């Protein structure tokens, strides 16, 4: 019965959109401008999507897109977001339409947005296929932009800039990202393959869940010159054992921290619980024998950085953690401060890494 009512509600919304006078989205959406025109873009998954440019009303189910919309000066065009989006701080004031991957389609249709941004089918979590089909059936353009994969970030941001008519602003952000990415890449040419630091990266979803080839975590370790000890494990996000980690004996251990579990990220100032978490990790049975623990090279990093549009800051931290002498003059915190102040108009205040 509940499923029937939900389907009926969606059908009603679609019928209302098709009534005479409803018109095209380009001219009737309250937020649309007379200058909006239709353009065709290629999203992160090679899909050709026709969208109004610039859009007047946007719903973003992807926090990375949300973050970049604010950077591009288009935050006021966002009418709704998926639940839990908290950065930049202004995002917390927006209406919500449900979870990122399972939003309430009735609420989306009722907003009559010019387009919806979402995560695509990347092999990890993505917008549910049946919900994507319902959005498409409502005549609402659906664009999949990642903005979390380092190697495709610039392309994704340029696409977003084109859609919202802020290509020059997008290029400025890309230029800063590429400036520091090139710095890291050029210095790492001095590191021979057999000298690469062995790294264990533990994911946000639980103890001993790590990253293998094909994952963003593996890509980030490689870009920073590290050797991912789990690279050849089966699947993208394998679960390993304590004994396995001990056998691999990593030189650096990094733990991703989800802000809903431990306070970390923008605005956080108390590191107390982070120190407790780090000590708990270092005191795991047998871990006192790991090279990483013996030398104190165990680090925590906020998921607010990992996989975000500020991923270049993470790259700088990784590079410095892996090769402190090679990157002695690189200050990742200064890079982060520069980005926040220049593009987000935000004070550098928070804890994103520990220690």
Protein backbone atom coordinates (compact mmCIF):
# COMPACT_ATOMS: atom_id res chain seq x y z
CA UNK A 1 0.00 0.00 0.00
CA UNK A 2 2.78 2.42 0.95
CA UNK A 3 4.60 1.73 -2.32
CA UNK A 4 1.35 2.35 -4.25
CA UNK A 5 0.81 5.72 -2.54
CA UNK A 6 4.41 6.73 -3.22
CA UNK A 7 4.08 5.85 -6.93
CA UNK A 8 0.78 7.70 -7.11
CA UNK A 9 2.35 10.80 -5.61
CA UNK A 10 5.15 10.77 -8.14
CA UNK A 11 2.69 10.25 -11.02
CA UNK A 12 0.58 13.17 -9.79
CA UNK A 13 3.63 15.42 -9.69
CA UNK A 14 4.59 14.40 -13.21
CA UNK A 15 1.06 15.10 -14.49
CA UNK A 16 1.11 18.55 -12.93
CA UNK A 17 4.33 19.33 -14.72
CA UNK A 18 2.73 18.35 -18.04
CA UNK A 19 -0.40 20.54 -17.64
CA UNK A 20 -0.89 23.41 -20.11
CA UNK A 21 0.86 26.47 -18.79
CA UNK A 22 3.50 24.46 -17.01
CA UNK A 23 5.81 25.37 -19.91
CA UNK A 24 9.44 24.49 -20.22
CA UNK A 25 11.68 24.47 -17.21
CA UNK A 26 13.96 27.05 -18.76
CA UNK A 27 11.32 29.80 -18.80
CA UNK A 28 9.09 28.82 -15.88
CA UNK A 29 11.45 27.92 -13.05
CA UNK A 30 11.29 30.83 -10.59
CA UNK A 31 15.08 30.93 -10.30
CA UNK A 32 15.79 30.72 -14.03
CA UNK A 33 17.13 33.75 -15.84
CA UNK A 34 16.22 35.02 -19.29
CA UNK A 35 19.83 34.42 -20.33
CA UNK A 36 19.62 30.67 -19.70
CA UNK A 37 20.15 28.58 -22.80
CA UNK A 38 20.31 24.86 -23.43
CA UNK A 39 23.76 23.32 -23.76
CA UNK A 40 24.94 19.73 -23.95
CA UNK A 41 27.67 18.56 -21.59
CA UNK A 42 29.44 15.28 -20.98
CA UNK A 43 29.31 14.19 -17.34
CA UNK A 44 31.79 12.05 -15.39
CA UNK A 45 30.39 8.84 -16.90
CA UNK A 46 30.41 9.90 -20.54
CA UNK A 47 26.68 10.67 -20.62
CA UNK A 48 25.55 13.47 -22.92
CA UNK A 49 23.11 15.62 -20.93
CA UNK A 50 21.23 18.70 -22.13
CA UNK A 51 20.99 21.31 -19.38
CA UNK A 52 19.96 24.96 -19.03
CA UNK A 53 22.98 27.21 -18.61
CA UNK A 54 23.15 28.93 -16.25
CA UNK A 55 20.56 27.02 -14.19
CA UNK A 56 18.24 28.99 -11.93
CA UNK A 57 17.37 26.21 -9.46
CA UNK A 58 19.76 23.41 -8.47
CA UNK A 59 19.40 20.36 -6.26
CA UNK A 60 22.71 18.78 -5.27
CA UNK A 61 22.89 15.24 -3.93
CA UNK A 62 26.70 15.35 -4.11
CA UNK A 63 28.47 17.29 -1.32
CA UNK A 64 31.48 17.89 -3.58
CA UNK A 65 29.31 19.58 -6.20
CA UNK A 66 27.71 21.62 -3.42
CA UNK A 67 31.10 22.77 -2.18
CA UNK A 68 32.20 23.82 -5.64
CA UNK A 69 28.94 25.63 -6.37
CA UNK A 70 29.68 27.88 -3.41
CA UNK A 71 33.25 28.39 -4.61
CA UNK A 72 31.94 29.37 -8.05
CA UNK A 73 29.53 31.87 -6.52
CA UNK A 74 26.40 29.83 -7.25
CA UNK A 75 25.40 28.84 -3.73
CA UNK A 76 22.29 31.01 -3.92
CA UNK A 77 21.00 28.87 -6.81
CA UNK A 78 20.88 25.76 -4.61
CA UNK A 79 17.30 25.12 -3.51
CA UNK A 80 17.88 21.82 -1.73
CA UNK A 81 20.56 19.31 -0.76
CA UNK A 82 20.75 15.73 0.41
CA UNK A 83 20.85 15.11 4.15
CA UNK A 84 23.93 15.78 6.26
CA UNK A 85 25.77 18.22 4.02
CA UNK A 86 27.71 20.52 6.32
CA UNK A 87 30.46 22.23 4.34
CA UNK A 88 30.78 25.04 3.64
CA UNK A 89 28.82 26.09 6.75
CA UNK A 90 26.15 27.85 4.66
CA UNK A 91 25.09 24.47 3.29
CA UNK A 92 23.56 23.56 6.64
CA UNK A 93 20.88 26.22 6.09
CA UNK A 94 19.48 24.64 2.93
CA UNK A 95 16.36 22.44 2.65
CA UNK A 96 16.98 18.72 2.33
CA UNK A 97 15.40 16.01 0.20
CA UNK A 98 16.59 12.88 1.97
CA UNK A 99 19.69 10.67 1.86
CA UNK A 100 22.35 11.15 -0.82
CA UNK A 101 21.76 7.80 -2.52
CA UNK A 102 18.05 7.34 -1.74
CA UNK A 103 16.48 10.81 -1.84
CA UNK A 104 12.76 11.54 -1.75
CA UNK A 105 11.85 11.93 -5.42
CA UNK A 106 8.49 13.55 -4.62
CA UNK A 107 10.32 16.36 -2.85
CA UNK A 108 12.73 16.74 -5.75
CA UNK A 109 9.94 16.93 -8.32
CA UNK A 110 7.98 19.38 -6.16
CA UNK A 111 10.97 21.75 -6.17
CA UNK A 112 10.91 21.81 -9.99
CA UNK A 113 14.69 22.28 -10.26
CA UNK A 114 16.47 23.04 -13.51
CA UNK A 115 18.81 20.12 -12.84
CA UNK A 116 19.98 17.64 -10.23
CA UNK A 117 23.58 16.71 -9.50
CA UNK A 118 24.31 13.25 -8.07
CA UNK A 119 26.94 10.54 -7.64
CA UNK A 120 27.09 8.18 -10.60
CA UNK A 121 27.61 4.40 -10.86
CA UNK A 122 31.33 4.35 -10.08
CA UNK A 123 31.47 0.93 -8.48
CA UNK A 124 30.87 2.43 -5.05
CA UNK A 125 27.73 4.03 -3.58
CA UNK A 126 25.61 5.85 -6.17
CA UNK A 127 22.13 7.25 -6.67
CA UNK A 128 19.71 4.31 -6.83
CA UNK A 129 18.92 3.41 -10.43
CA UNK A 130 15.15 3.40 -10.00
CA UNK A 131 15.23 6.84 -8.41
CA UNK A 132 17.41 8.18 -11.20
CA UNK A 133 14.86 6.86 -13.69
CA UNK A 134 12.04 8.65 -11.85
CA UNK A 135 13.94 11.94 -11.91
CA UNK A 136 14.59 11.46 -15.62
CA UNK A 137 10.91 10.64 -16.22
CA UNK A 138 10.01 13.97 -14.61
CA UNK A 139 11.99 15.72 -17.32
CA UNK A 140 14.62 16.97 -14.88
CA UNK A 141 18.20 16.80 -16.22
CA UNK A 142 20.34 14.55 -14.03
CA UNK A 143 24.10 15.14 -14.15
CA UNK A 144 26.63 12.78 -12.59
CA UNK A 145 29.73 14.68 -11.52
CA UNK A 146 32.28 13.06 -9.22
CA UNK A 147 34.62 15.87 -8.17
CA UNK A 148 36.38 13.44 -5.83
CA UNK A 149 38.78 11.56 -8.10
CA UNK A 150 42.14 13.36 -8.30
CA UNK A 151 42.89 12.50 -11.92
CA UNK A 152 39.49 13.63 -13.25
CA UNK A 153 38.88 16.51 -10.84
CA UNK A 154 39.93 19.28 -13.23
CA UNK A 155 37.75 17.92 -16.02
CA UNK A 156 34.76 17.59 -13.69
CA UNK A 157 35.19 21.13 -12.37
CA UNK A 158 35.47 22.57 -15.86
CA UNK A 159 32.23 20.82 -16.76
CA UNK A 160 30.53 22.29 -13.70
CA UNK A 161 31.91 25.73 -14.53
CA UNK A 162 30.52 25.45 -18.06
CA UNK A 163 27.08 24.43 -16.79
CA UNK A 164 26.75 27.31 -14.34
CA UNK A 165 28.46 29.89 -16.55
CA UNK A 166 31.48 30.34 -14.28
CA UNK A 167 34.27 28.89 -16.39
CA UNK A 168 36.84 31.56 -15.44
CA UNK A 169 36.26 30.94 -11.72
CA UNK A 170 36.60 27.19 -12.25
CA UNK A 171 39.93 27.70 -14.04
CA UNK A 172 41.32 29.68 -11.11
CA UNK A 173 40.60 26.79 -8.74
CA UNK A 174 42.02 24.25 -11.18
CA UNK A 175 45.19 26.35 -11.50
CA UNK A 176 45.81 26.27 -7.75
CA UNK A 177 45.19 22.51 -7.56
CA UNK A 178 47.53 21.84 -10.47
CA UNK A 179 50.21 24.12 -9.01
CA UNK A 180 50.61 21.97 -5.91
CA UNK A 181 49.98 18.69 -7.72
CA UNK A 182 52.87 19.47 -10.08
CA UNK A 183 55.12 20.40 -7.17
CA UNK A 184 54.52 17.00 -5.56
CA UNK A 185 54.85 15.11 -8.84
CA UNK A 186 58.13 16.77 -9.79
CA UNK A 187 59.81 16.09 -6.45
CA UNK A 188 58.67 12.48 -6.38
CA UNK A 189 60.72 11.83 -9.50
CA UNK A 190 63.68 11.58 -7.13
CA UNK A 191 62.13 8.55 -5.39
CA UNK A 192 63.06 5.21 -6.93
CA UNK A 193 60.32 2.53 -7.09
CA UNK A 194 62.10 0.29 -4.58
CA UNK A 195 62.34 3.21 -2.13
CA UNK A 196 58.62 3.94 -2.01
CA UNK A 197 57.19 4.06 1.51
CA UNK A 198 54.82 1.22 2.41
CA UNK A 199 51.44 2.59 3.45
CA UNK A 200 48.38 1.13 5.15
CA UNK A 201 45.28 3.30 4.67
CA UNK A 202 42.29 2.32 6.80
CA UNK A 203 38.91 3.50 5.58
CA UNK A 204 36.14 5.35 7.33
CA UNK A 205 33.71 2.44 7.37
CA UNK A 206 35.41 0.26 9.97
CA UNK A 207 38.55 -1.32 11.34
CA UNK A 208 40.72 -3.18 8.82
CA UNK A 209 38.67 -2.00 5.82
CA UNK A 210 41.20 -0.67 3.32
CA UNK A 211 41.64 0.27 -0.34
CA UNK A 212 42.85 -1.79 -3.30
CA UNK A 213 43.51 -0.99 -6.96
CA UNK A 214 40.69 0.92 -8.62
CA UNK A 215 39.76 2.84 -5.49
CA UNK A 216 40.26 6.50 -4.75
CA UNK A 217 42.34 5.66 -1.70
CA UNK A 218 44.81 3.65 -3.74
CA UNK A 219 45.02 6.44 -6.30
CA UNK A 220 45.82 9.03 -3.61
CA UNK A 221 48.59 6.92 -2.09
CA UNK A 222 50.15 6.44 -5.53
CA UNK A 223 49.98 10.14 -6.40
CA UNK A 224 51.82 10.93 -3.16
CA UNK A 225 54.54 8.40 -4.00
CA UNK A 226 53.52 5.68 -1.55
CA UNK A 227 53.27 1.92 -2.02
CA UNK A 228 49.80 0.75 -0.98
CA UNK A 229 50.24 -2.55 0.85
CA UNK A 230 46.67 -3.56 -0.09
CA UNK A 231 46.88 -2.63 -3.76
CA UNK A 232 46.65 -6.24 -4.98
CA UNK A 233 43.96 -7.43 -2.58
CA UNK A 234 40.66 -8.57 -4.18
CA UNK A 235 37.89 -5.99 -4.59
CA UNK A 236 38.17 -2.24 -4.26
CA UNK A 237 37.52 -2.07 -0.53
CA UNK A 238 38.85 -5.30 0.98
CA UNK A 239 38.65 -6.18 4.65
CA UNK A 240 41.96 -7.48 5.92
CA UNK A 241 43.04 -8.96 9.24
CA UNK A 242 45.29 -7.73 12.03
CA UNK A 243 47.71 -10.53 11.23
CA UNK A 244 47.83 -9.50 7.59
CA UNK A 245 48.74 -5.89 8.47
CA UNK A 246 51.44 -7.12 10.84
CA UNK A 247 52.91 -9.30 8.11
CA UNK A 248 53.02 -6.37 5.68
CA UNK A 249 54.68 -4.11 8.28
CA UNK A 250 53.74 -0.70 6.83
CA UNK A 251 56.00 2.30 7.46
CA UNK A 252 53.04 4.71 7.57
CA UNK A 253 49.51 4.11 8.85
CA UNK A 254 46.67 6.50 8.02
CA UNK A 255 43.15 6.27 9.42
CA UNK A 256 40.26 8.16 7.81
CA UNK A 257 37.94 9.68 10.41
CA UNK A 258 34.23 10.25 9.78
CA UNK A 259 33.01 13.37 11.56
CA UNK A 260 29.87 11.60 12.76
CA UNK A 261 32.05 9.21 14.77
CA UNK A 262 34.74 11.53 16.11
CA UNK A 263 34.57 15.36 16.01
CA UNK A 264 36.95 16.42 13.24
CA UNK A 265 36.93 18.97 10.44
CA UNK A 266 35.94 22.59 10.06
CA UNK A 267 35.31 24.44 13.33
CA UNK A 268 36.60 21.64 15.59
CA UNK A 269 39.24 22.79 18.09
CA UNK A 270 39.53 20.03 20.72
CA UNK A 271 41.86 17.15 19.72
CA UNK A 272 41.18 15.10 22.86
CA UNK A 273 39.13 12.34 21.27
CA UNK A 274 41.47 12.19 18.31
CA UNK A 275 44.41 11.49 20.62
CA UNK A 276 42.36 8.72 22.26
CA UNK A 277 41.59 7.22 18.87
CA UNK A 278 45.22 7.36 17.74
CA UNK A 279 46.40 5.69 20.94
CA UNK A 280 43.77 2.96 20.54
CA UNK A 281 45.02 2.26 17.02
CA UNK A 282 48.67 2.17 18.08
CA UNK A 283 47.85 -0.21 20.94
CA UNK A 284 46.14 -2.82 18.80
CA UNK A 285 47.49 -6.31 19.62
CA UNK A 286 50.93 -6.76 18.15
CA UNK A 287 51.04 -3.31 16.56
CA UNK A 288 53.87 -2.20 18.81
CA UNK A 289 56.09 -4.11 16.39
CA UNK A 290 55.01 -2.17 13.30
CA UNK A 291 57.57 0.22 11.84
CA UNK A 292 54.86 2.89 11.62
CA UNK A 293 54.03 2.62 15.32
CA UNK A 294 57.63 2.40 16.50
CA UNK A 295 58.45 5.63 14.67
CA UNK A 296 55.17 7.41 15.51
CA UNK A 297 54.08 7.59 11.87
CA UNK A 298 50.39 6.97 12.55
CA UNK A 299 48.08 9.71 11.33
CA UNK A 300 44.37 10.55 11.35
CA UNK A 301 42.76 12.49 8.52
CA UNK A 302 39.25 13.90 8.24
CA UNK A 303 36.91 12.63 5.57
CA UNK A 304 36.11 16.30 5.03
CA UNK A 305 39.41 16.37 3.11
CA UNK A 306 39.63 12.84 1.77
CA UNK A 307 37.74 12.68 -1.52
CA UNK A 308 36.73 16.33 -1.36
CA UNK A 309 37.45 19.20 -3.77
CA UNK A 310 40.29 20.10 -1.37
CA UNK A 311 41.95 16.77 -2.04
CA UNK A 312 45.14 18.57 -3.04
CA UNK A 313 45.59 19.45 0.63
CA UNK A 314 45.44 15.74 1.45
CA UNK A 315 48.00 15.10 -1.29
CA UNK A 316 50.36 17.58 0.36
CA UNK A 317 49.92 15.95 3.77
CA UNK A 318 50.46 12.46 2.35
CA UNK A 319 53.60 13.54 0.48
CA UNK A 320 55.05 15.13 3.59
CA UNK A 321 54.15 12.16 5.81
CA UNK A 322 55.72 9.73 3.34
CA UNK A 323 58.86 11.77 2.58
CA UNK A 324 59.38 14.41 5.29
CA UNK A 325 62.87 15.37 4.12
CA UNK A 326 61.92 15.72 0.48
CA UNK A 327 59.01 17.97 1.41
CA UNK A 328 60.54 19.73 4.41
CA UNK A 329 59.55 23.17 3.07
CA UNK A 330 56.00 22.18 2.11
CA UNK A 331 53.38 23.35 4.62
CA UNK A 332 50.08 21.55 3.92
CA UNK A 333 48.28 23.67 6.53
CA UNK A 334 49.37 26.81 4.68
CA UNK A 335 48.04 25.35 1.42
CA UNK A 336 44.73 24.62 3.14
CA UNK A 337 44.60 28.13 4.60
CA UNK A 338 45.25 29.64 1.17
CA UNK A 339 42.39 27.67 -0.37
CA UNK A 340 39.89 28.44 2.40
CA UNK A 341 40.64 32.15 2.49
CA UNK A 342 40.94 32.67 -1.27
CA UNK A 343 38.06 30.58 -2.56
CA UNK A 344 35.71 29.98 0.37
CA UNK A 345 36.10 33.28 2.24
CA UNK A 346 36.46 31.22 5.42
CA UNK A 347 38.74 31.47 8.39
CA UNK A 348 41.25 28.64 8.76
CA UNK A 349 39.72 27.09 11.86
CA UNK A 350 39.47 23.38 12.53
CA UNK A 351 41.30 20.07 12.86
CA UNK A 352 41.62 18.07 9.67
CA UNK A 353 44.67 15.96 10.50
CA UNK A 354 46.16 14.58 13.69
CA UNK A 355 48.81 14.83 14.98
